[in-house]
């Protein structure tokens, strides 16, 4: 069955770094666009970064220059390197897969990131 399993979350201080990983299985990973979303306390879920099947990337303005999304189509992994973390980055981070040709989407269970000042 389809699985997206996130890891790498945790608690850091302002200015710290974390690397989130998402292990994908059960679908043809290489043809899916992959994204990271987040949902902070009392906030709606928002798109953080995305990477297409051809490895083009997009970022939310709030994380540009600090976060980097990447993917490994051999290992079926997607990563989010987060640097210069701020308290407002505190959220549950979700891995997301989408196939544009038929709209199929999958979500991971989320991993908590907490940034303290």
C-alpha atoms as a PDB file:
ATOM      1  CA  UNK A   1       0.000   0.000   0.000  1.00  0.00           C
ATOM      2  CA  UNK A   2       0.990   3.626  -0.392  1.00  0.00           C
ATOM      3  CA  UNK A   3       3.058   5.025   2.433  1.00  0.00           C
ATOM      4  CA  UNK A   4       4.726   8.356   3.079  1.00  0.00           C
ATOM      5  CA  UNK A   5       6.712   8.268   6.293  1.00  0.00           C
ATOM      6  CA  UNK A   6       8.271  11.465   7.589  1.00  0.00           C
ATOM      7  CA  UNK A   7      11.159  11.661  10.001  1.00  0.00           C
ATOM      8  CA  UNK A   8      13.686  14.173  11.276  1.00  0.00           C
ATOM      9  CA  UNK A   9      11.461  16.520  13.212  1.00  0.00           C
ATOM     10  CA  UNK A  10      12.347  17.750  16.652  1.00  0.00           C
ATOM     11  CA  UNK A  11      13.021  20.759  18.830  1.00  0.00           C
ATOM     12  CA  UNK A  12      15.682  23.339  18.047  1.00  0.00           C
ATOM     13  CA  UNK A  13      16.523  26.877  19.031  1.00  0.00           C
ATOM     14  CA  UNK A  14      16.201  29.888  16.790  1.00  0.00           C
ATOM     15  CA  UNK A  15      18.847  29.805  14.109  1.00  0.00           C
ATOM     16  CA  UNK A  16      19.205  26.058  14.201  1.00  0.00           C
ATOM     17  CA  UNK A  17      18.802  23.515  11.436  1.00  0.00           C
ATOM     18  CA  UNK A  18      16.846  20.352  10.831  1.00  0.00           C
ATOM     19  CA  UNK A  19      16.594  17.957   7.915  1.00  0.00           C
ATOM     20  CA  UNK A  20      13.269  16.301   7.301  1.00  0.00           C
ATOM     21  CA  UNK A  21      13.057  13.080   5.324  1.00  0.00           C
ATOM     22  CA  UNK A  22      10.106  11.379   3.693  1.00  0.00           C
ATOM     23  CA  UNK A  23      10.284   7.747   2.641  1.00  0.00           C
ATOM     24  CA  UNK A  24       7.826   6.844  -0.101  1.00  0.00           C
ATOM     25  CA  UNK A  25       6.583   3.406  -1.081  1.00  0.00           C
ATOM     26  CA  UNK A  26       3.705   1.763  -2.897  1.00  0.00           C
ATOM     27  CA  UNK A  27       3.606   4.043  -5.929  1.00  0.00           C
ATOM     28  CA  UNK A  28       5.820   5.133  -8.825  1.00  0.00           C
ATOM     29  CA  UNK A  29       7.679   7.814  -6.928  1.00  0.00           C
ATOM     30  CA  UNK A  30       9.630   9.287  -9.844  1.00  0.00           C
ATOM     31  CA  UNK A  31       6.552  10.496 -11.715  1.00  0.00           C
ATOM     32  CA  UNK A  32       4.979  12.268  -8.748  1.00  0.00           C
ATOM     33  CA  UNK A  33       5.497  15.853  -7.719  1.00  0.00           C
ATOM     34  CA  UNK A  34       6.514  15.930  -4.068  1.00  0.00           C
ATOM     35  CA  UNK A  35       5.851  18.672  -1.575  1.00  0.00           C
ATOM     36  CA  UNK A  36       6.217  19.625   2.035  1.00  0.00           C
ATOM     37  CA  UNK A  37       3.307  21.327   3.750  1.00  0.00           C
ATOM     38  CA  UNK A  38       3.055  22.566   7.306  1.00  0.00           C
ATOM     39  CA  UNK A  39       0.338  23.434   9.762  1.00  0.00           C
ATOM     40  CA  UNK A  40       1.186  25.663  12.693  1.00  0.00           C
ATOM     41  CA  UNK A  41      -0.876  26.027  15.876  1.00  0.00           C
ATOM     42  CA  UNK A  42      -4.191  27.623  15.020  1.00  0.00           C
ATOM     43  CA  UNK A  43      -3.230  28.007  11.368  1.00  0.00           C
ATOM     44  CA  UNK A  44      -4.302  26.465   8.105  1.00  0.00           C
ATOM     45  CA  UNK A  45      -2.083  23.983   6.321  1.00  0.00           C
ATOM     46  CA  UNK A  46       0.231  25.765   3.895  1.00  0.00           C
ATOM     47  CA  UNK A  47       2.594  24.755   1.124  1.00  0.00           C
ATOM     48  CA  UNK A  48       6.240  25.116   2.118  1.00  0.00           C
ATOM     49  CA  UNK A  49       8.127  23.728  -0.868  1.00  0.00           C
ATOM     50  CA  UNK A  50       7.572  21.498  -3.860  1.00  0.00           C
ATOM     51  CA  UNK A  51       9.722  19.602  -6.336  1.00  0.00           C
ATOM     52  CA  UNK A  52       8.480  18.265  -9.625  1.00  0.00           C
ATOM     53  CA  UNK A  53       9.296  14.957 -11.272  1.00  0.00           C
ATOM     54  CA  UNK A  54      11.909  16.875 -13.301  1.00  0.00           C
ATOM     55  CA  UNK A  55      13.319  18.406 -10.083  1.00  0.00           C
ATOM     56  CA  UNK A  56      12.157  21.957 -10.600  1.00  0.00           C
ATOM     57  CA  UNK A  57      11.440  23.569  -7.250  1.00  0.00           C
ATOM     58  CA  UNK A  58       9.162  26.169  -5.708  1.00  0.00           C
ATOM     59  CA  UNK A  59       9.173  27.709  -2.254  1.00  0.00           C
ATOM     60  CA  UNK A  60       6.876  29.755  -0.102  1.00  0.00           C
ATOM     61  CA  UNK A  61       8.191  33.290   0.240  1.00  0.00           C
ATOM     62  CA  UNK A  62       8.547  32.798   3.990  1.00  0.00           C
ATOM     63  CA  UNK A  63      11.171  30.062   3.560  1.00  0.00           C
ATOM     64  CA  UNK A  64      13.045  31.144   0.427  1.00  0.00           C
ATOM     65  CA  UNK A  65      16.776  31.206   1.018  1.00  0.00           C
ATOM     66  CA  UNK A  66      16.452  29.142   4.218  1.00  0.00           C
ATOM     67  CA  UNK A  67      14.856  25.850   3.147  1.00  0.00           C
ATOM     68  CA  UNK A  68      15.900  23.476   0.365  1.00  0.00           C
ATOM     69  CA  UNK A  69      13.803  20.643  -1.011  1.00  0.00           C
ATOM     70  CA  UNK A  70      15.414  17.740  -2.826  1.00  0.00           C
ATOM     71  CA  UNK A  71      14.538  14.241  -3.956  1.00  0.00           C
ATOM     72  CA  UNK A  72      16.302  10.956  -4.635  1.00  0.00           C
ATOM     73  CA  UNK A  73      14.407   8.922  -7.212  1.00  0.00           C
ATOM     74  CA  UNK A  74      16.574   5.869  -6.590  1.00  0.00           C
ATOM     75  CA  UNK A  75      15.899   5.756  -2.860  1.00  0.00           C
ATOM     76  CA  UNK A  76      12.318   7.078  -3.201  1.00  0.00           C
ATOM     77  CA  UNK A  77      13.075   9.832  -0.731  1.00  0.00           C
ATOM     78  CA  UNK A  78      12.301  13.513  -0.491  1.00  0.00           C
ATOM     79  CA  UNK A  79      14.095  15.857   1.880  1.00  0.00           C
ATOM     80  CA  UNK A  80      13.632  19.299   3.349  1.00  0.00           C
ATOM     81  CA  UNK A  81      16.763  20.964   4.650  1.00  0.00           C
ATOM     82  CA  UNK A  82      15.730  23.750   7.008  1.00  0.00           C
ATOM     83  CA  UNK A  83      18.287  26.327   8.080  1.00  0.00           C
ATOM     84  CA  UNK A  84      18.056  29.534  10.086  1.00  0.00           C
ATOM     85  CA  UNK A  85      14.912  28.291  11.744  1.00  0.00           C
ATOM     86  CA  UNK A  86      12.545  30.769  13.361  1.00  0.00           C
ATOM     87  CA  UNK A  87       9.823  30.316  15.981  1.00  0.00           C
ATOM     88  CA  UNK A  88       7.231  30.914  13.265  1.00  0.00           C
ATOM     89  CA  UNK A  89       8.462  27.754  11.527  1.00  0.00           C
ATOM     90  CA  UNK A  90       6.988  25.754  14.389  1.00  0.00           C
ATOM     91  CA  UNK A  91       4.448  23.381  12.868  1.00  0.00           C
ATOM     92  CA  UNK A  92       3.629  19.841  11.934  1.00  0.00           C
ATOM     93  CA  UNK A  93       5.309  19.174   8.599  1.00  0.00           C
ATOM     94  CA  UNK A  94       3.622  16.854   6.123  1.00  0.00           C
ATOM     95  CA  UNK A  95       4.993  15.072   3.089  1.00  0.00           C
ATOM     96  CA  UNK A  96       2.684  15.132   0.067  1.00  0.00           C
ATOM     97  CA  UNK A  97       2.713  13.366  -3.286  1.00  0.00           C
ATOM     98  CA  UNK A  98       0.694  14.357  -6.331  1.00  0.00           C
ATOM     99  CA  UNK A  99       0.437  12.918  -9.812  1.00  0.00           C
ATOM    100  CA  UNK A 100      -0.669  15.704 -12.133  1.00  0.00           C
ATOM    101  CA  UNK A 101      -1.971  13.399 -14.878  1.00  0.00           C
ATOM    102  CA  UNK A 102      -4.782  11.953 -12.761  1.00  0.00           C
ATOM    103  CA  UNK A 103      -4.802  14.054  -9.616  1.00  0.00           C
ATOM    104  CA  UNK A 104      -3.864  11.206  -7.287  1.00  0.00           C
ATOM    105  CA  UNK A 105      -2.572  12.550  -3.987  1.00  0.00           C
ATOM    106  CA  UNK A 106      -1.117  11.016  -0.849  1.00  0.00           C
ATOM    107  CA  UNK A 107      -0.227  12.440   2.558  1.00  0.00           C
ATOM    108  CA  UNK A 108       2.152  11.393   5.273  1.00  0.00           C
ATOM    109  CA  UNK A 109       1.261  11.409   8.949  1.00  0.00           C
ATOM    110  CA  UNK A 110       3.361  14.459   9.775  1.00  0.00           C
ATOM    111  CA  UNK A 111       6.368  15.250  11.918  1.00  0.00           C
ATOM    112  CA  UNK A 112       6.539  17.976  14.566  1.00  0.00           C
ATOM    113  CA  UNK A 113       9.062  20.788  14.319  1.00  0.00           C
ATOM    114  CA  UNK A 114       9.357  23.140  17.277  1.00  0.00           C
ATOM    115  CA  UNK A 115      11.612  26.192  17.221  1.00  0.00           C
ATOM    116  CA  UNK A 116      12.130  27.991  20.507  1.00  0.00           C
ATOM    117  CA  UNK A 117      13.403  31.517  20.934  1.00  0.00           C
END
